[in-house]
Amino acid sequence: MIRSTALLVYATLLMGLVAGPAHASGNCKLALEPTTRGFFLNPTLEKVVVAKATPTTPGKPCVLQAGDELLQVNDQVISGANAKQVMAYWKGLPKDSERTFKVRRAGAILTLVAK
């Protein structure tokens, strides 16, 4: 019973990371794949990879691409951060504000700006 509840809380936290930052990518809806370590009720992020980036504005491509590893969003570093804190940070971003992403794409580190 306790284990089932704990797994539900963990799944909810990860779904928040997957669904939460959909607006945080400018004109794109993102599906993210987080990798975590530590206690499952309060996990630490190892990395977050974009599984899918779908444009929400016709004719305007996504800045982020499937396969991009998110290293940083604005001032929020991803690797080693508490997953709950990252989720709260992303949810707290104003919907129409500019975002700066630091990503690893095909081995190169890129800085991308989404408006």
Protein backbone atom coordinates (compact mmCIF):
# COMPACT_ATOMS: atom_id res chain seq x y z
CA MET A 1 0.00 0.00 0.00
CA ILE A 2 2.71 2.49 0.98
CA ARG A 3 4.85 1.44 -2.00
CA SER A 4 1.90 1.95 -4.39
CA THR A 5 1.28 5.42 -2.99
CA ALA A 6 4.97 6.29 -3.24
CA LEU A 7 5.08 5.12 -6.86
CA LEU A 8 2.01 7.21 -7.63
CA VAL A 9 3.66 10.32 -6.12
CA TYR A 10 6.85 9.65 -8.12
CA ALA A 11 4.89 9.15 -11.35
CA THR A 12 2.98 12.39 -10.70
CA LEU A 13 6.25 14.27 -10.16
CA LEU A 14 7.72 12.94 -13.40
CA MET A 15 4.51 13.71 -15.29
CA GLY A 16 4.82 17.27 -14.00
CA LEU A 17 8.24 17.43 -15.61
CA VAL A 18 6.89 15.96 -18.82
CA ALA A 19 3.73 18.04 -19.02
CA GLY A 20 4.72 21.08 -17.01
CA PRO A 21 7.04 22.96 -19.33
CA ALA A 22 4.94 22.64 -22.49
CA HIS A 23 4.57 26.41 -22.63
CA ALA A 24 8.20 26.94 -21.60
CA SER A 25 9.51 26.26 -25.08
CA GLY A 26 8.06 29.22 -26.91
CA ASN A 27 5.83 27.96 -29.71
CA CYS A 28 6.31 24.25 -28.97
CA LYS A 29 4.74 21.55 -26.86
CA LEU A 30 7.40 19.29 -25.38
CA ALA A 31 7.47 15.69 -24.24
CA LEU A 32 10.43 15.23 -21.90
CA GLU A 33 12.20 12.13 -20.59
CA PRO A 34 13.78 12.81 -17.19
CA THR A 35 16.43 10.50 -15.71
CA THR A 36 16.58 10.68 -11.92
CA ARG A 37 18.50 9.25 -8.98
CA GLY A 38 18.01 9.19 -5.25
CA PHE A 39 14.90 8.74 -3.15
CA PHE A 40 11.90 8.45 -5.47
CA LEU A 41 9.69 10.82 -3.43
CA ASN A 42 12.29 13.60 -3.75
CA PRO A 43 14.43 12.68 -6.78
CA THR A 44 17.46 14.46 -8.14
CA LEU A 45 17.63 15.00 -11.89
CA GLU A 46 20.54 13.47 -13.76
CA LYS A 47 19.34 14.66 -17.16
CA VAL A 48 16.24 15.65 -19.11
CA VAL A 49 16.01 14.79 -22.81
CA VAL A 50 13.45 16.16 -25.27
CA ALA A 51 11.53 13.10 -26.53
CA LYS A 52 9.30 15.10 -28.87
CA ALA A 53 8.92 18.77 -29.82
CA THR A 54 5.68 19.67 -31.60
CA PRO A 55 5.17 23.18 -33.02
CA THR A 56 2.00 24.91 -31.81
CA THR A 57 2.28 27.74 -34.35
CA PRO A 58 1.99 26.69 -38.01
CA GLY A 59 5.10 27.53 -40.04
CA LYS A 60 7.22 28.33 -36.99
CA PRO A 61 9.73 25.55 -36.15
CA CYS A 62 10.62 24.54 -32.62
CA VAL A 63 13.88 25.81 -31.16
CA LEU A 64 14.30 22.53 -29.27
CA GLN A 65 14.50 19.22 -31.12
CA ALA A 66 13.91 15.61 -30.16
CA GLY A 67 17.14 14.26 -28.69
CA ASP A 68 18.26 17.57 -27.17
CA GLU A 69 19.50 17.16 -23.60
CA LEU A 70 18.42 20.14 -21.51
CA LEU A 71 21.35 21.39 -19.46
CA GLN A 72 19.92 24.71 -18.29
CA VAL A 73 16.74 26.80 -18.67
CA ASN A 74 17.43 30.48 -17.99
CA ASP A 75 19.28 30.35 -14.63
CA GLN A 76 18.01 26.88 -13.63
CA VAL A 77 20.68 24.18 -14.05
CA ILE A 78 19.13 20.75 -14.64
CA SER A 79 21.72 18.11 -13.74
CA GLY A 80 21.98 17.62 -9.99
CA ALA A 81 18.93 19.77 -9.27
CA ASN A 82 16.01 18.68 -7.16
CA ALA A 83 13.23 17.58 -9.54
CA LYS A 84 10.51 19.29 -7.48
CA GLN A 85 12.39 22.59 -7.52
CA VAL A 86 12.93 22.42 -11.29
CA MET A 87 9.25 21.63 -11.85
CA ALA A 88 8.21 24.57 -9.64
CA TYR A 89 10.64 26.87 -11.48
CA TRP A 90 9.30 25.87 -14.91
CA LYS A 91 5.68 26.22 -13.83
CA GLY A 92 6.45 29.67 -12.40
CA LEU A 93 7.81 31.07 -15.67
CA PRO A 94 5.49 33.64 -17.27
CA LYS A 95 3.83 32.05 -20.29
CA ASP A 96 4.99 34.57 -22.89
CA SER A 97 8.46 35.35 -21.54
CA GLU A 98 11.67 34.64 -23.44
CA ARG A 99 13.56 31.50 -22.42
CA THR A 100 17.22 30.72 -22.88
CA PHE A 101 18.08 27.03 -23.14
CA LYS A 102 21.51 25.49 -22.90
CA VAL A 103 21.34 22.09 -24.60
CA ARG A 104 23.59 19.28 -25.73
CA ARG A 105 22.78 18.41 -29.34
CA ALA A 106 24.83 15.79 -31.19
CA GLY A 107 27.69 16.32 -28.71
CA ALA A 108 27.80 20.11 -29.11
CA ILE A 109 26.70 22.55 -26.40
CA LEU A 110 24.30 25.17 -27.83
CA THR A 111 22.55 28.20 -26.36
CA LEU A 112 19.08 28.63 -27.85
CA VAL A 113 16.52 31.38 -27.29
CA ALA A 114 12.77 30.79 -27.53
CA LYS A 115 10.38 33.73 -27.66
